[in-house]
């Protein structure tokens, strides 16, 4: 087991240790938020025909080139209808946006540039029609067989639209994980329950659950456990068996009642690392069982718990899902920050944008790592690297959104 390691080493160990959850095929309606596990290949050319992009009339450009400005309207071509054919160069066909370009035509004039005289369309004086100006050419977006989405793509609203171009009503995605969130401590009392002066409300489990659900992980259970070794062993063991991932909060430091590391070892969860050189969140514990399942044991202080979830657990879940990695954005500090301790610092911030569109981060220092209320209104936190003590205004820091 590694102890007291740097943030980057801890993050790398998490990514290397995470399992890879298997793919399943789901209906498109169930794919939102999931991670694609197969290339999405175009079913056919897009557009699959020469597509008209303006309401108006279509005719043969050669007739316009010889001076013809009046055309008999021989029919109407609507979207979703088989193409009509132009029978005579003296004719035109009325066309609607999105329809196929009628056979024998190559020029479209918008409806605003014509007037109707019964069955005749007259082009306004001085208008210069350009062949194929308002035509979206067949296959100009992509060709049949083109790869439109790569494996590892997270499926959002735009990707849902693209999935339909594959033509299948189902898609292969990574199976959604079953996640158990556990807060430990004799002092924890749930909202709505009677509370003594020496007890506190259980907030970590709700914050962790909310962060997970907000990212689309719906199968999340939540519970609190007392600092009782027998209960911890029984309940953590059960949840470890029934879940893909267990996330604990509390009981991982050096106190007499910090039973979590010993309990996990008893359950056969081998520690990968314990303690990371960071503030908040130094006591972070991470391990893996023989069955390949992993356990994160986060510190019990509320801010430490949420920071560790965002910095390590969520990227770990992405890796297990097979999601393509993305670099974290950087933002500039709006004011100088001094941090004298030889640890990586995670500082809550509120973002603002300049007229030029550049993001800046205003630090919101907390009273302690238990000061959860101070996080209200913040957007996330910045990471200030270990080994530097003064970070001037304008320093480009990695940003992690809550």
Protein backbone atom coordinates (compact mmCIF):
# COMPACT_ATOMS: atom_id res chain seq x y z
CA UNK A 1 0.00 0.00 0.00
CA UNK A 2 1.21 3.47 -0.88
CA UNK A 3 0.98 6.12 1.86
CA UNK A 4 1.16 9.92 1.86
CA UNK A 5 1.39 10.19 -1.91
CA UNK A 6 1.02 13.17 -4.23
CA UNK A 7 -2.28 14.08 -5.83
CA UNK A 8 -1.17 13.14 -9.35
CA UNK A 9 0.03 9.70 -8.21
CA UNK A 10 -3.23 9.08 -6.37
CA UNK A 11 -5.28 10.07 -9.42
CA UNK A 12 -3.18 7.82 -11.67
CA UNK A 13 -3.56 4.86 -9.29
CA UNK A 14 -7.33 5.30 -9.24
CA UNK A 15 -7.54 5.29 -13.05
CA UNK A 16 -5.24 2.26 -13.32
CA UNK A 17 -7.11 0.28 -10.66
CA UNK A 18 -10.71 0.86 -11.69
CA UNK A 19 -12.52 -2.10 -13.29
CA UNK A 20 -14.00 -1.84 -16.77
CA UNK A 21 -17.74 -2.39 -16.63
CA UNK A 22 -19.28 -4.43 -19.43
CA UNK A 23 -21.35 -3.10 -22.35
CA UNK A 24 -25.08 -3.67 -22.79
CA UNK A 25 -27.48 -2.85 -25.60
CA UNK A 26 -30.22 -0.40 -24.69
CA UNK A 27 -32.99 1.43 -26.57
CA UNK A 28 -32.05 4.92 -27.71
CA UNK A 29 -34.44 6.40 -25.15
CA UNK A 30 -32.34 4.85 -22.35
CA UNK A 31 -28.97 5.99 -23.72
CA UNK A 32 -28.93 9.60 -22.52
CA UNK A 33 -25.96 10.15 -20.22
CA UNK A 34 -24.44 6.75 -20.98
CA UNK A 35 -21.03 6.08 -22.55
CA UNK A 36 -20.94 4.70 -26.08
CA UNK A 37 -19.09 1.39 -26.46
CA UNK A 38 -19.13 0.94 -30.25
CA UNK A 39 -18.44 3.21 -33.21
CA UNK A 40 -21.57 4.83 -34.57
CA UNK A 41 -21.53 4.29 -38.34
CA UNK A 42 -23.70 6.25 -40.77
CA UNK A 43 -26.54 4.20 -42.19
CA UNK A 44 -26.44 6.14 -45.48
CA UNK A 45 -25.25 9.38 -47.05
CA UNK A 46 -26.30 12.56 -45.29
CA UNK A 47 -28.22 14.22 -46.70
CA UNK A 48 -29.45 11.14 -48.58
CA UNK A 49 -30.58 13.32 -51.52
CA UNK A 50 -30.04 16.80 -52.93
CA UNK A 51 -32.03 18.72 -50.31
CA UNK A 52 -33.77 22.03 -50.94
CA UNK A 53 -33.03 24.61 -48.24
CA UNK A 54 -35.57 27.35 -49.10
CA UNK A 55 -39.27 27.51 -49.90
CA UNK A 56 -39.64 28.64 -53.52
CA UNK A 57 -39.52 27.22 -57.02
CA UNK A 58 -37.07 24.87 -58.76
CA UNK A 59 -36.35 24.83 -62.48
CA UNK A 60 -33.61 24.14 -65.03
CA UNK A 61 -30.89 26.76 -64.77
CA UNK A 62 -30.25 26.59 -68.50
CA UNK A 63 -33.67 28.17 -69.16
CA UNK A 64 -32.89 31.07 -66.83
CA UNK A 65 -29.53 31.53 -68.59
CA UNK A 66 -31.34 32.05 -71.92
CA UNK A 67 -33.45 34.84 -70.39
CA UNK A 68 -36.57 33.00 -69.25
CA UNK A 69 -38.16 34.65 -66.19
CA UNK A 70 -41.70 33.23 -66.25
CA UNK A 71 -42.35 29.56 -65.45
CA UNK A 72 -45.53 27.52 -65.34
CA UNK A 73 -45.94 25.83 -61.94
CA UNK A 74 -46.27 22.16 -62.89
CA UNK A 75 -46.54 20.72 -59.36
CA UNK A 76 -45.57 20.96 -55.72
CA UNK A 77 -42.71 19.01 -54.11
CA UNK A 78 -43.15 18.57 -50.35
CA UNK A 79 -40.71 17.18 -47.80
CA UNK A 80 -41.04 13.42 -47.45
CA UNK A 81 -42.41 12.89 -50.96
CA UNK A 82 -40.77 11.03 -53.83
CA UNK A 83 -39.12 13.39 -56.33
CA UNK A 84 -41.22 14.86 -59.10
CA UNK A 85 -39.71 15.18 -62.57
CA UNK A 86 -39.59 18.37 -64.63
CA UNK A 87 -41.36 17.70 -67.93
CA UNK A 88 -40.47 20.94 -69.75
CA UNK A 89 -37.88 23.70 -69.50
CA UNK A 90 -40.80 26.13 -69.51
CA UNK A 91 -42.03 24.68 -66.23
CA UNK A 92 -41.00 24.93 -62.62
CA UNK A 93 -41.95 22.96 -59.54
CA UNK A 94 -42.93 24.60 -56.27
CA UNK A 95 -40.58 23.32 -53.54
CA UNK A 96 -40.63 23.30 -49.74
CA UNK A 97 -37.68 23.50 -47.36
CA UNK A 98 -36.29 20.02 -46.69
CA UNK A 99 -37.71 18.37 -49.81
CA UNK A 100 -35.76 16.47 -52.43
CA UNK A 101 -34.65 18.53 -55.43
CA UNK A 102 -37.00 17.55 -58.27
CA UNK A 103 -35.46 15.56 -61.12
CA UNK A 104 -34.38 17.79 -64.01
CA UNK A 105 -33.99 20.91 -61.88
CA UNK A 106 -30.83 22.47 -60.52
CA UNK A 107 -31.81 26.01 -59.55
CA UNK A 108 -33.95 27.22 -56.65
CA UNK A 109 -35.34 30.74 -56.29
CA UNK A 110 -36.76 31.69 -52.85
CA UNK A 111 -40.46 32.48 -52.61
CA UNK A 112 -39.59 36.06 -51.60
CA UNK A 113 -38.08 36.63 -55.08
CA UNK A 114 -41.10 35.57 -57.10
CA UNK A 115 -44.72 36.60 -57.57
CA UNK A 116 -47.56 34.37 -58.60
CA UNK A 117 -49.87 35.10 -61.51
CA UNK A 118 -52.25 32.18 -61.32
CA UNK A 119 -50.29 29.07 -62.37
CA UNK A 120 -47.28 31.16 -63.41
CA UNK A 121 -44.31 32.10 -61.23
CA UNK A 122 -42.55 35.32 -62.25
CA UNK A 123 -39.01 36.04 -61.00
CA UNK A 124 -38.46 39.62 -59.82
CA UNK A 125 -36.54 41.97 -62.11
CA UNK A 126 -32.80 42.00 -61.56
CA UNK A 127 -32.64 38.82 -59.50
CA UNK A 128 -29.67 36.63 -60.43
CA UNK A 129 -30.45 32.96 -59.91
CA UNK A 130 -27.39 30.79 -59.18
CA UNK A 131 -27.58 27.05 -59.92
CA UNK A 132 -27.52 24.92 -56.71
CA UNK A 133 -27.32 27.98 -54.44
CA UNK A 134 -30.10 26.76 -52.15
CA UNK A 135 -29.33 23.06 -52.43
CA UNK A 136 -27.75 20.97 -49.68
CA UNK A 137 -25.86 18.40 -51.83
CA UNK A 138 -26.26 14.65 -51.36
CA UNK A 139 -23.57 13.25 -49.05
CA UNK A 140 -22.03 16.66 -48.30
CA UNK A 141 -22.30 16.16 -44.50
CA UNK A 142 -20.92 12.62 -44.54
CA UNK A 143 -20.96 9.44 -46.58
CA UNK A 144 -22.49 6.06 -45.80
CA UNK A 145 -20.21 4.09 -43.47
CA UNK A 146 -18.53 7.16 -41.97
CA UNK A 147 -17.82 6.97 -38.22
CA UNK A 148 -19.93 9.67 -36.59
CA UNK A 149 -19.25 8.95 -32.90
CA UNK A 150 -16.31 7.11 -31.35
CA UNK A 151 -16.45 4.65 -28.44
CA UNK A 152 -16.04 6.53 -25.19
CA UNK A 153 -18.38 9.36 -26.20
CA UNK A 154 -20.73 10.52 -23.44
CA UNK A 155 -24.22 10.69 -24.93
CA UNK A 156 -25.84 14.10 -24.53
CA UNK A 157 -28.65 15.84 -26.45
CA UNK A 158 -26.56 16.39 -29.61
CA UNK A 159 -25.31 12.80 -29.55
CA UNK A 160 -28.89 11.54 -29.17
CA UNK A 161 -29.74 13.24 -32.47
CA UNK A 162 -26.63 11.80 -34.12
CA UNK A 163 -27.48 8.28 -32.90
CA UNK A 164 -30.58 8.27 -35.09
CA UNK A 165 -28.36 8.58 -38.16
CA UNK A 166 -26.98 5.14 -37.36
CA UNK A 167 -30.42 3.77 -38.14
CA UNK A 168 -30.64 1.33 -35.21
CA UNK A 169 -33.20 1.56 -32.42
CA UNK A 170 -30.60 0.23 -29.95
CA UNK A 171 -27.04 1.15 -29.07
CA UNK A 172 -24.20 -0.45 -27.10
CA UNK A 173 -23.29 1.51 -23.97
CA UNK A 174 -21.53 0.71 -20.70
CA UNK A 175 -23.82 -0.76 -18.07
CA UNK A 176 -24.82 1.78 -15.43
CA UNK A 177 -23.14 1.09 -12.07
CA UNK A 178 -24.85 0.26 -8.81
CA UNK A 179 -23.33 2.63 -6.24
CA UNK A 180 -23.59 2.49 -2.45
CA UNK A 181 -22.93 5.68 -0.45
CA UNK A 182 -22.25 5.15 3.26
CA UNK A 183 -21.63 7.74 5.97
CA UNK A 184 -20.20 6.46 9.26
CA UNK A 185 -20.36 7.99 12.73
CA UNK A 186 -22.32 7.73 15.98
CA UNK A 187 -22.98 11.47 15.78
CA UNK A 188 -24.91 11.39 12.49
CA UNK A 189 -28.67 11.97 12.52
CA UNK A 190 -30.75 12.16 9.34
CA UNK A 191 -32.90 15.18 8.51
CA UNK A 192 -36.33 15.07 10.13
CA UNK A 193 -35.19 12.91 13.07
CA UNK A 194 -34.90 14.11 16.71
CA UNK A 195 -31.38 15.36 17.39
CA UNK A 196 -29.40 15.91 20.60
CA UNK A 197 -27.09 18.83 21.28
CA UNK A 198 -24.03 16.60 20.82
CA UNK A 199 -25.13 15.20 17.43
CA UNK A 200 -25.01 16.58 13.88
CA UNK A 201 -27.09 16.18 10.75
CA UNK A 202 -25.83 13.63 8.22
CA UNK A 203 -25.02 15.81 5.20
CA UNK A 204 -22.15 14.03 3.44
CA UNK A 205 -24.22 11.13 2.18
CA UNK A 206 -26.79 13.48 0.68
CA UNK A 207 -24.16 15.65 -0.99
CA UNK A 208 -22.37 12.64 -2.47
CA UNK A 209 -25.62 11.10 -3.67
CA UNK A 210 -26.68 14.40 -5.25
CA UNK A 211 -23.37 14.77 -7.09
CA UNK A 212 -23.67 11.23 -8.45
CA UNK A 213 -27.29 11.56 -9.50
CA UNK A 214 -26.62 14.91 -11.15
CA UNK A 215 -24.16 13.13 -13.43
CA UNK A 216 -26.74 10.52 -14.43
CA UNK A 217 -25.96 7.70 -11.99
CA UNK A 218 -29.49 6.86 -10.88
CA UNK A 219 -28.87 3.54 -9.11
CA UNK A 220 -27.45 5.03 -5.89
CA UNK A 221 -28.30 3.81 -2.38
CA UNK A 222 -27.54 5.87 0.72
CA UNK A 223 -27.21 4.92 4.38
CA UNK A 224 -25.52 5.86 7.66
CA UNK A 225 -23.76 3.39 9.97
CA UNK A 226 -22.65 3.65 13.57
CA UNK A 227 -19.01 3.32 14.62
CA UNK A 228 -19.56 -0.31 15.55
CA UNK A 229 -17.06 -2.78 14.06
CA UNK A 230 -19.59 -5.62 13.83
CA UNK A 231 -22.24 -3.50 12.13
CA UNK A 232 -19.68 -1.93 9.83
CA UNK A 233 -18.35 -5.33 8.78
CA UNK A 234 -21.81 -6.78 8.15
CA UNK A 235 -23.34 -3.82 6.31
CA UNK A 236 -20.30 -2.77 4.29
CA UNK A 237 -19.80 -6.41 3.33
CA UNK A 238 -23.39 -6.70 2.13
CA UNK A 239 -23.28 -3.47 0.16
CA UNK A 240 -19.91 -4.40 -1.32
CA UNK A 241 -21.38 -7.68 -2.58
CA UNK A 242 -24.52 -6.05 -3.98
CA UNK A 243 -22.95 -2.96 -5.58
CA UNK A 244 -20.37 -2.20 -8.24
CA UNK A 245 -18.85 0.61 -6.22
CA UNK A 246 -18.85 1.55 -2.52
CA UNK A 247 -18.14 5.11 -1.38
CA UNK A 248 -17.68 5.63 2.34
CA UNK A 249 -17.40 8.89 4.23
CA UNK A 250 -15.80 9.05 7.67
CA UNK A 251 -13.82 6.73 9.89
CA UNK A 252 -10.58 6.73 7.85
CA UNK A 253 -8.23 8.80 10.01
CA UNK A 254 -6.20 7.80 13.09
CA UNK A 255 -8.79 8.04 15.87
CA UNK A 256 -9.88 5.26 18.20
CA UNK A 257 -13.24 4.99 16.42
CA UNK A 258 -11.86 5.13 12.86
CA UNK A 259 -12.69 1.51 12.10
CA UNK A 260 -13.14 1.73 8.32
CA UNK A 261 -9.63 0.75 7.08
CA UNK A 262 -9.48 -2.29 9.37
CA UNK A 263 -13.03 -3.28 8.43
CA UNK A 264 -12.24 -3.12 4.72
CA UNK A 265 -9.10 -5.18 5.20
CA UNK A 266 -11.16 -7.75 7.11
CA UNK A 267 -13.58 -7.88 4.17
CA UNK A 268 -10.72 -8.63 1.76
CA UNK A 269 -10.44 -5.16 0.24
CA UNK A 270 -6.74 -4.61 -0.38
CA UNK A 271 -5.62 -1.01 0.13
CA UNK A 272 -4.01 0.69 -2.86
CA UNK A 273 -3.19 3.93 -1.05
CA UNK A 274 -4.01 5.76 2.17
CA UNK A 275 -3.44 9.47 2.70
CA UNK A 276 -2.81 11.98 -0.07
CA UNK A 277 -0.72 15.12 0.35
CA UNK A 278 -3.62 17.53 -0.07
CA UNK A 279 -5.86 19.86 1.89
CA UNK A 280 -8.64 19.19 2.42
CA UNK A 281 -8.88 15.40 2.23
CA UNK A 282 -5.51 14.07 3.40
CA UNK A 283 -6.90 10.81 4.98
CA UNK A 284 -8.38 9.57 1.66
CA UNK A 285 -8.30 5.73 1.40
CA UNK A 286 -8.70 3.64 -1.78
CA UNK A 287 -8.68 -0.13 -2.27
CA UNK A 288 -9.75 -3.04 -4.46
CA UNK A 289 -11.10 -6.49 -3.61
CA UNK A 290 -10.14 -9.80 -5.23
CA UNK A 291 -13.34 -9.64 -7.30
CA UNK A 292 -12.19 -6.42 -8.93
CA UNK A 293 -14.59 -4.13 -7.10
CA UNK A 294 -13.20 -0.90 -5.66
CA UNK A 295 -13.94 1.06 -2.50
CA UNK A 296 -13.32 4.74 -1.87
CA UNK A 297 -13.20 5.73 1.81
CA UNK A 298 -13.40 9.52 1.93
CA UNK A 299 -12.66 11.72 4.93
CA UNK A 300 -15.63 12.60 7.11
CA UNK A 301 -15.26 16.39 6.98
CA UNK A 302 -17.96 17.57 4.57
CA UNK A 303 -15.83 19.69 2.23
CA UNK A 304 -13.09 17.03 2.19
CA UNK A 305 -15.65 14.39 1.26
CA UNK A 306 -17.14 16.33 -1.66
CA UNK A 307 -13.75 17.48 -2.96
CA UNK A 308 -12.41 13.91 -2.98
CA UNK A 309 -15.52 12.67 -4.78
CA UNK A 310 -15.08 15.22 -7.57
CA UNK A 311 -11.29 14.94 -7.81
CA UNK A 312 -10.96 11.13 -7.67
CA UNK A 313 -14.22 9.18 -7.59
CA UNK A 314 -15.97 10.76 -10.57
CA UNK A 315 -12.93 10.45 -12.88
CA UNK A 316 -12.59 6.85 -11.66
CA UNK A 317 -16.20 6.13 -12.62
CA UNK A 318 -15.57 7.68 -16.04
CA UNK A 319 -12.62 5.32 -16.51
CA UNK A 320 -14.71 2.29 -15.51
CA UNK A 321 -17.38 3.35 -18.01
CA UNK A 322 -14.79 3.69 -20.76
CA UNK A 323 -15.45 7.42 -21.20
CA UNK A 324 -12.90 9.34 -23.23
CA UNK A 325 -10.71 11.47 -20.97
CA UNK A 326 -10.94 15.23 -21.28
CA UNK A 327 -8.40 17.75 -19.99
CA UNK A 328 -9.62 19.81 -17.05
CA UNK A 329 -10.21 23.47 -17.88
CA UNK A 330 -8.03 26.14 -16.34
CA UNK A 331 -9.25 29.42 -14.92
CA UNK A 332 -7.29 32.43 -13.69
CA UNK A 333 -7.40 33.41 -10.03
CA UNK A 334 -9.25 36.69 -9.51
CA UNK A 335 -7.06 37.46 -6.49
CA UNK A 336 -3.83 36.23 -4.94
CA UNK A 337 -3.89 33.18 -2.66
CA UNK A 338 -1.24 32.34 -0.07
CA UNK A 339 -0.95 28.70 1.08
CA UNK A 340 2.07 27.94 3.24
CA UNK A 341 1.49 24.23 3.96
CA UNK A 342 3.45 21.75 1.81
CA UNK A 343 0.31 20.18 0.37
CA UNK A 344 -1.77 20.51 -2.78
CA UNK A 345 -4.57 22.97 -2.01
CA UNK A 346 -8.17 22.65 -3.15
CA UNK A 347 -9.88 26.05 -2.84
CA UNK A 348 -13.64 26.58 -3.43
CA UNK A 349 -14.29 29.31 -6.00
CA UNK A 350 -17.02 31.27 -7.71
CA UNK A 351 -16.58 31.85 -11.43
CA UNK A 352 -17.04 35.10 -13.34
CA UNK A 353 -16.45 35.98 -16.99
CA UNK A 354 -14.88 39.09 -18.47
CA UNK A 355 -16.23 40.96 -21.49
CA UNK A 356 -13.56 39.11 -23.50
CA UNK A 357 -15.02 35.78 -22.36
CA UNK A 358 -12.16 34.77 -20.05
CA UNK A 359 -13.15 32.94 -16.88
CA UNK A 360 -11.78 34.02 -13.52
CA UNK A 361 -12.13 32.26 -10.18
CA UNK A 362 -12.74 34.15 -6.96
CA UNK A 363 -11.67 32.07 -3.94
CA UNK A 364 -14.17 31.57 -1.14
CA UNK A 365 -12.17 30.48 1.86
CA UNK A 366 -13.98 28.26 4.36
CA UNK A 367 -13.76 28.44 8.13
CA UNK A 368 -12.78 24.74 8.32
CA UNK A 369 -13.22 21.69 6.10
CA UNK A 370 -16.45 21.12 8.00
CA UNK A 371 -17.90 24.48 6.94
CA UNK A 372 -20.27 23.08 4.31
CA UNK A 373 -22.46 26.20 4.31
CA UNK A 374 -19.58 28.22 2.85
CA UNK A 375 -19.88 26.22 -0.37
CA UNK A 376 -23.24 27.80 -1.13
CA UNK A 377 -23.04 29.75 -4.39
CA UNK A 378 -19.65 28.33 -5.37
CA UNK A 379 -19.15 26.63 -8.73
CA UNK A 380 -16.42 24.18 -7.79
CA UNK A 381 -12.81 24.36 -6.67
CA UNK A 382 -9.36 25.06 -8.08
CA UNK A 383 -6.28 22.93 -7.55
CA UNK A 384 -3.15 24.79 -6.46
CA UNK A 385 -0.03 22.60 -6.81
CA UNK A 386 2.15 21.52 -3.95
CA UNK A 387 5.55 23.21 -3.63
CA UNK A 388 4.37 26.74 -4.39
CA UNK A 389 3.15 28.98 -1.60
CA UNK A 390 2.07 32.23 -3.25
CA UNK A 391 -0.32 32.14 -6.19
CA UNK A 392 -0.72 35.60 -7.73
CA UNK A 393 -3.87 37.00 -9.28
CA UNK A 394 -4.05 35.64 -12.82
CA UNK A 395 -2.50 32.28 -11.91
CA UNK A 396 -3.98 29.62 -14.26
CA UNK A 397 -5.38 26.87 -12.01
CA UNK A 398 -7.17 23.65 -12.85
CA UNK A 399 -10.89 23.94 -12.20
CA UNK A 400 -13.24 21.16 -11.04
CA UNK A 401 -16.99 21.79 -11.09
CA UNK A 402 -19.12 20.46 -8.26
